[in-house]
Structures are given as structure tokens and as C-alpha cells.
């Protein structure tokens, strides 16, 4: 045995001595993340309603499948077949592994879903139900070490989604200079993704790690200082970006189905 059940630890019958509502935060986290997973799974397999009038859902961008709406593709590049083993492959399934992998391996999200889903532990000073602890040394959790590579992939996606936000400044007829609610939604989504990525612990290590003397690397030190400020709010940006991306997809889907109208301030 390990952890609080170790023979060397004090024998306390109570699971915790905390008297506050410690269970509330993991319960809310569970509800939000579980709801997002259900919705994202539905959208990933829907394979439709992801593009309308220069607005493309972040769940489907870049659209690399030959089944993609031509206007939704990245410069017309569609290297992936529309079917795999006679199974119609949704364009979202081709790309979601990268943003999903970035969030799943994120240091903050690991803390969040370890507590909410695995109760490991559910909160500070609350005993977890597990009697054995192996950390992230075995499969599948050892794959958490791939976070750095998912971070790099995430930066590529941020560039693409920023490009999508720029395209949202086009009007229905393709003319530049338009500005709609969709423009705001996609721009906010891209901005929040950048803040989430730039506040990441891996980003902080990338710009300032492996240095013995900051004085010899003033530019990297300055970048590290800026990222360190953002890093304090990484948890907030994790949730803000998740909400922004989800709403961007909902908005594009509703506009695509005709349920909502994309209002133009000017076009």
C-alpha cells in the first residue's frame, strides 16, 4: 500500500477532517468536462454543419478530408480519403487528436480530471480510495510525457485558427472588410487559444528552460518573464479557451443549420 494507507502513516478513520464543501469543485469539473466530451463526440461524428459564409468551426479546421466542403479546406488541400475501410470518416476525426492530446496531457487538466474522474485525490487533504499509486510511470499515463509535442502541434493549430478568424472578416460574397458576430466569436476563440498556449508550463520551459545564466540570454529571459506572468492565469485560460472553442463550434453549427442568423455590423 501507499499514500495515506501506508503502514507508516497515522491511522485516521475519517476520510478527511475538512468541514468545507471540498467536493463541490471536483463535482463541477466532472460535470463540465463530461458535458464537453459528450458534445464534442457528437460533433466529431456528425460530419456536417461546420461551415457557412467564411465561418468554419474550430472542431473541423483544418478540414483535410476529401469530403470537406471546398470552401472550408486549407488552400484546397485534402490529402485524406473520405472513407477508411468503407467507413465514412468525419473530417473532425482526422485532426481532433492533436488539440485533444494537448488538453489531455496539460498539467492543469491532468490535475482537474485526475481529481474529478479518478478521485486521485478528489481534493487537498482528502484521502483517495486507491490503495496503490504508480504515478505516470505505466501505460497509458506514461503517454502524458508527450505533452511537449502536443504543445508544438497546438501552436500550428493556433496559427490555422487565427487564419480562420481573419477569413471571418469576409462578407457573404467574399469581399473583405465585413464584420459580423461570427467574426467576434472566431477571433475570441483564437485569442483564448493563444493565451492558453502561451501560458502553458511547457511554453515557459521552452523559452527559458535549460539555461544556467539568464544574464547571458537577455531575450529569452525577457520572454520567460512575460510567459511567467501569463502562467499564473493558466488555469483560467484553460477554461476560457475551452468555453470559447465550444461556443465557436456551437455558433457556426447554428448558423450553418439556419437556426441562428450571423448578424453583420457592416459588410
Protein backbone atom coordinates (compact mmCIF):
# COMPACT_ATOMS: atom_id res chain seq x y z
CA UNK A 1 0.00 0.00 0.00
CA UNK A 2 0.98 3.61 -0.49
CA UNK A 3 -0.26 7.11 0.19
CA UNK A 4 -2.49 7.69 3.21
CA UNK A 5 -2.98 3.94 3.57
CA UNK A 6 0.71 3.30 4.05
CA UNK A 7 1.63 1.44 7.27
CA UNK A 8 3.92 4.30 8.19
CA UNK A 9 1.10 6.87 8.15
CA UNK A 10 -1.13 7.79 11.06
CA UNK A 11 -4.30 5.69 11.33
CA UNK A 12 -7.22 8.08 10.88
CA UNK A 13 -10.65 6.59 10.25
CA UNK A 14 -12.13 9.74 8.75
CA UNK A 15 -11.55 10.20 5.06
CA UNK A 16 -10.88 13.87 5.71
CA UNK A 17 -11.02 16.37 8.54
CA UNK A 18 -12.13 19.15 6.19
CA UNK A 19 -15.52 20.65 7.01
CA UNK A 20 -15.94 22.82 3.90
CA UNK A 21 -17.60 21.77 0.63
CA UNK A 22 -14.40 20.28 -0.79
CA UNK A 23 -16.42 18.04 -3.12
CA UNK A 24 -18.02 20.96 -4.97
CA UNK A 25 -15.08 21.86 -7.23
CA UNK A 26 -14.39 18.31 -8.49
CA UNK A 27 -18.13 17.79 -8.97
CA UNK A 28 -18.42 20.92 -11.13
CA UNK A 29 -15.28 19.95 -13.03
CA UNK A 30 -16.71 16.50 -13.69
CA UNK A 31 -19.99 17.94 -14.94
CA UNK A 32 -18.37 20.48 -17.27
CA UNK A 33 -15.75 18.13 -18.73
CA UNK A 34 -18.20 15.25 -19.13
CA UNK A 35 -20.68 17.53 -20.91
CA UNK A 36 -17.93 18.80 -23.21
CA UNK A 37 -16.82 15.26 -24.04
CA UNK A 38 -20.39 14.23 -24.91
CA UNK A 39 -20.93 17.29 -27.11
CA UNK A 40 -17.51 17.08 -28.78
CA UNK A 41 -18.03 13.38 -29.54
CA UNK A 42 -21.40 14.12 -31.14
CA UNK A 43 -19.93 16.91 -33.24
CA UNK A 44 -16.88 14.91 -34.24
CA UNK A 45 -19.04 12.15 -35.69
CA UNK A 46 -21.71 14.43 -37.15
CA UNK A 47 -19.52 15.38 -40.08
CA UNK A 48 -21.74 18.26 -41.14
CA UNK A 49 -22.79 21.84 -40.32
CA UNK A 50 -19.26 23.11 -39.82
CA UNK A 51 -19.04 25.86 -42.46
CA UNK A 52 -21.11 28.83 -43.52
CA UNK A 53 -20.15 32.07 -45.26
CA UNK A 54 -16.43 32.03 -44.39
CA UNK A 55 -17.07 30.79 -40.85
CA UNK A 56 -15.55 27.41 -40.05
CA UNK A 57 -15.85 25.50 -36.80
CA UNK A 58 -12.59 25.04 -34.85
CA UNK A 59 -13.58 21.38 -34.45
CA UNK A 60 -13.17 20.92 -38.21
CA UNK A 61 -10.22 23.15 -39.04
CA UNK A 62 -8.07 22.42 -40.90
CA UNK A 63 -10.52 20.42 -42.99
CA UNK A 64 -8.29 17.83 -44.66
CA UNK A 65 -10.79 15.25 -45.88
CA UNK A 66 -11.85 14.88 -49.49
CA UNK A 67 -15.40 15.04 -48.12
CA UNK A 68 -14.87 18.61 -46.89
CA UNK A 69 -16.87 21.50 -48.22
CA UNK A 70 -14.47 23.02 -50.80
CA UNK A 71 -14.64 26.48 -49.20
CA UNK A 72 -13.71 25.01 -45.81
CA UNK A 73 -10.43 23.45 -46.94
CA UNK A 74 -7.00 24.92 -46.33
CA UNK A 75 -5.96 26.20 -49.77
CA UNK A 76 -7.83 23.27 -51.34
CA UNK A 77 -5.52 20.71 -49.72
CA UNK A 78 -7.42 17.48 -48.95
CA UNK A 79 -4.88 14.65 -48.53
CA UNK A 80 -7.15 12.28 -46.58
CA UNK A 81 -9.71 9.99 -48.18
CA UNK A 82 -13.36 10.49 -47.30
CA UNK A 83 -13.64 6.81 -46.37
CA UNK A 84 -11.46 4.40 -44.43
CA UNK A 85 -12.30 0.69 -44.74
CA UNK A 86 -15.66 1.67 -46.26
CA UNK A 87 -16.38 3.81 -43.22
CA UNK A 88 -17.32 7.44 -43.84
CA UNK A 89 -14.68 9.39 -41.95
CA UNK A 90 -15.76 12.69 -40.43
CA UNK A 91 -13.21 15.45 -41.14
CA UNK A 92 -13.11 16.27 -37.42
CA UNK A 93 -11.82 12.80 -36.51
CA UNK A 94 -8.69 13.42 -38.59
CA UNK A 95 -7.48 16.39 -36.57
CA UNK A 96 -9.06 16.35 -33.10
CA UNK A 97 -6.38 14.05 -31.70
CA UNK A 98 -3.96 16.99 -31.64
CA UNK A 99 -5.97 19.63 -29.70
CA UNK A 100 -7.43 16.83 -27.58
CA UNK A 101 -3.96 15.45 -26.87
CA UNK A 102 -2.73 18.92 -25.90
CA UNK A 103 -5.51 19.35 -23.34
CA UNK A 104 -5.46 15.77 -22.06
CA UNK A 105 -1.74 15.98 -21.30
CA UNK A 106 -1.89 19.56 -19.97
CA UNK A 107 -0.53 19.84 -16.42
CA UNK A 108 -3.59 21.71 -15.18
CA UNK A 109 -6.13 19.47 -16.89
CA UNK A 110 -4.37 16.41 -15.52
CA UNK A 111 -4.91 17.76 -12.03
CA UNK A 112 -8.53 18.59 -12.88
CA UNK A 113 -9.63 15.27 -14.33
CA UNK A 114 -7.49 13.15 -12.02
CA UNK A 115 -9.47 14.68 -9.16
CA UNK A 116 -12.87 14.78 -10.83
CA UNK A 117 -12.92 11.39 -12.58
CA UNK A 118 -10.40 9.23 -10.71
CA UNK A 119 -10.57 10.85 -7.25
CA UNK A 120 -6.79 10.77 -7.19
CA UNK A 121 -7.11 12.59 -4.86
CA UNK A 122 -10.52 14.32 -5.03
CA UNK A 123 -9.16 17.37 -3.15
CA UNK A 124 -6.34 18.50 -0.91
CA UNK A 125 -6.26 16.74 2.47
CA UNK A 126 -8.89 14.21 1.31
CA UNK A 127 -7.89 10.56 1.14
CA UNK A 128 -8.22 8.91 -2.23
CA UNK A 129 -9.91 5.49 -2.48
CA UNK A 130 -6.98 3.88 -4.29
CA UNK A 131 -4.64 1.65 -2.33
CA UNK A 132 -1.85 1.67 -4.89
CA UNK A 133 -0.06 4.54 -6.57
CA UNK A 134 2.16 4.22 -9.64
CA UNK A 135 2.06 7.81 -10.82
CA UNK A 136 2.58 8.29 -14.56
CA UNK A 137 5.16 5.54 -14.94
CA UNK A 138 2.96 2.99 -16.71
CA UNK A 139 0.74 2.85 -19.79
CA UNK A 140 -1.41 4.67 -20.60
CA UNK A 141 -0.44 7.53 -18.28
CA UNK A 142 3.19 7.41 -19.35
CA UNK A 143 1.95 8.97 -22.59
CA UNK A 144 1.45 12.18 -20.63
CA UNK A 145 5.13 12.78 -21.35
CA UNK A 146 4.13 13.61 -24.94
CA UNK A 147 2.70 16.93 -23.75
CA UNK A 148 5.61 18.91 -25.19
CA UNK A 149 4.97 17.54 -28.68
CA UNK A 150 1.24 18.16 -28.45
CA UNK A 151 2.10 21.72 -27.41
CA UNK A 152 4.07 22.22 -30.62
CA UNK A 153 1.21 20.76 -32.67
CA UNK A 154 -1.19 23.04 -30.82
CA UNK A 155 0.77 26.09 -31.93
CA UNK A 156 0.30 25.04 -35.56
CA UNK A 157 -3.43 24.75 -34.98
CA UNK A 158 -3.46 28.18 -33.34
CA UNK A 159 -1.96 29.69 -36.49
CA UNK A 160 -4.58 27.97 -38.65
CA UNK A 161 -7.48 29.04 -36.42
CA UNK A 162 -6.13 32.59 -36.41
CA UNK A 163 -6.17 32.44 -40.21
CA UNK A 164 -9.79 31.26 -39.99
CA UNK A 165 -10.58 34.26 -37.81
CA UNK A 166 -9.06 36.56 -40.43
CA UNK A 167 -11.21 34.93 -43.13
CA UNK A 168 -14.25 35.74 -40.98
CA UNK A 169 -13.69 39.38 -41.96
CA UNK A 170 -15.04 38.48 -45.39
CA UNK A 171 -18.66 39.11 -46.28
CA UNK A 172 -21.09 36.60 -47.76
CA UNK A 173 -19.97 37.48 -51.27
CA UNK A 174 -16.30 37.16 -50.40
CA UNK A 175 -15.47 40.85 -50.12
CA UNK A 176 -13.03 41.92 -47.40
CA UNK A 177 -13.89 44.39 -44.68
CA UNK A 178 -17.01 42.75 -43.30
CA UNK A 179 -17.55 42.44 -39.57
CA UNK A 180 -20.12 40.13 -38.01
CA UNK A 181 -20.92 38.38 -34.76
CA UNK A 182 -19.15 35.35 -36.24
CA UNK A 183 -16.02 37.46 -36.69
CA UNK A 184 -16.04 38.25 -32.97
CA UNK A 185 -16.73 34.64 -32.00
CA UNK A 186 -13.90 33.14 -34.08
CA UNK A 187 -11.46 35.92 -33.15
CA UNK A 188 -12.17 35.46 -29.45
CA UNK A 189 -11.77 31.70 -29.78
CA UNK A 190 -8.38 32.08 -31.49
CA UNK A 191 -7.24 34.67 -28.94
CA UNK A 192 -8.15 32.45 -26.00
CA UNK A 193 -6.31 29.52 -27.56
CA UNK A 194 -3.19 31.65 -27.89
CA UNK A 195 -3.46 32.74 -24.25
CA UNK A 196 -3.93 29.14 -23.16
CA UNK A 197 -0.90 28.01 -25.16
CA UNK A 198 1.38 30.90 -24.20
CA UNK A 199 0.56 30.50 -20.50
CA UNK A 200 1.37 26.78 -20.67
CA UNK A 201 4.10 25.41 -18.38
CA UNK A 202 5.76 23.80 -21.39
CA UNK A 203 5.86 27.16 -23.17
CA UNK A 204 7.54 28.66 -20.11
CA UNK A 205 10.15 25.91 -20.11
CA UNK A 206 10.64 26.14 -23.88
CA UNK A 207 11.52 29.84 -23.82
CA UNK A 208 13.51 29.87 -20.58
CA UNK A 209 14.45 26.32 -19.66
CA UNK A 210 17.86 24.62 -19.80
CA UNK A 211 19.68 27.88 -19.09
CA UNK A 212 22.30 28.25 -16.37
CA UNK A 213 22.66 32.02 -16.63
CA UNK A 214 19.76 34.27 -17.57
CA UNK A 215 22.20 37.18 -17.76
CA UNK A 216 23.77 35.63 -20.85
CA UNK A 217 20.39 35.23 -22.56
CA UNK A 218 18.53 38.54 -22.05
CA UNK A 219 15.99 37.97 -24.83
CA UNK A 220 14.99 34.53 -23.57
CA UNK A 221 14.89 35.88 -20.03
CA UNK A 222 12.50 38.63 -21.10
CA UNK A 223 10.28 36.10 -22.90
CA UNK A 224 10.40 33.82 -19.87
CA UNK A 225 9.36 36.73 -17.64
CA UNK A 226 6.36 37.52 -19.84
CA UNK A 227 5.28 33.89 -20.08
CA UNK A 228 5.69 33.52 -16.30
CA UNK A 229 3.14 36.30 -15.78
CA UNK A 230 0.68 34.52 -18.07
CA UNK A 231 1.44 31.21 -16.39
CA UNK A 232 -0.16 32.43 -13.16
CA UNK A 233 -3.50 32.51 -15.02
CA UNK A 234 -3.07 29.26 -16.93
CA UNK A 235 -5.98 27.61 -15.12
CA UNK A 236 -8.30 30.45 -16.10
CA UNK A 237 -7.17 30.41 -19.72
CA UNK A 238 -7.68 26.63 -19.80
CA UNK A 239 -11.37 27.11 -19.02
CA UNK A 240 -11.83 30.31 -21.02
CA UNK A 241 -10.36 28.71 -24.14
CA UNK A 242 -12.43 25.54 -23.72
CA UNK A 243 -15.61 27.60 -23.43
CA UNK A 244 -14.61 29.84 -26.36
CA UNK A 245 -13.87 26.91 -28.68
CA UNK A 246 -17.08 25.10 -27.70
CA UNK A 247 -19.19 28.21 -28.26
CA UNK A 248 -17.46 28.90 -31.59
CA UNK A 249 -18.45 25.43 -32.78
CA UNK A 250 -21.99 25.84 -31.47
CA UNK A 251 -22.29 29.22 -33.17
CA UNK A 252 -21.04 28.00 -36.55
CA UNK A 253 -23.28 24.95 -36.35
CA UNK A 254 -26.36 27.01 -35.54
CA UNK A 255 -25.62 29.46 -38.35
CA UNK A 256 -24.96 26.59 -40.75
CA UNK A 257 -28.29 24.93 -39.97
CA UNK A 258 -30.14 28.23 -40.26
CA UNK A 259 -31.20 28.23 -36.61
CA UNK A 260 -29.25 31.44 -35.97
CA UNK A 261 -28.52 34.41 -38.21
CA UNK A 262 -24.97 35.71 -38.39
CA UNK A 263 -25.62 39.42 -37.90
CA UNK A 264 -23.30 41.77 -39.81
CA UNK A 265 -22.39 45.10 -38.25
CA UNK A 266 -21.12 46.16 -41.67
CA UNK A 267 -20.24 44.33 -44.86
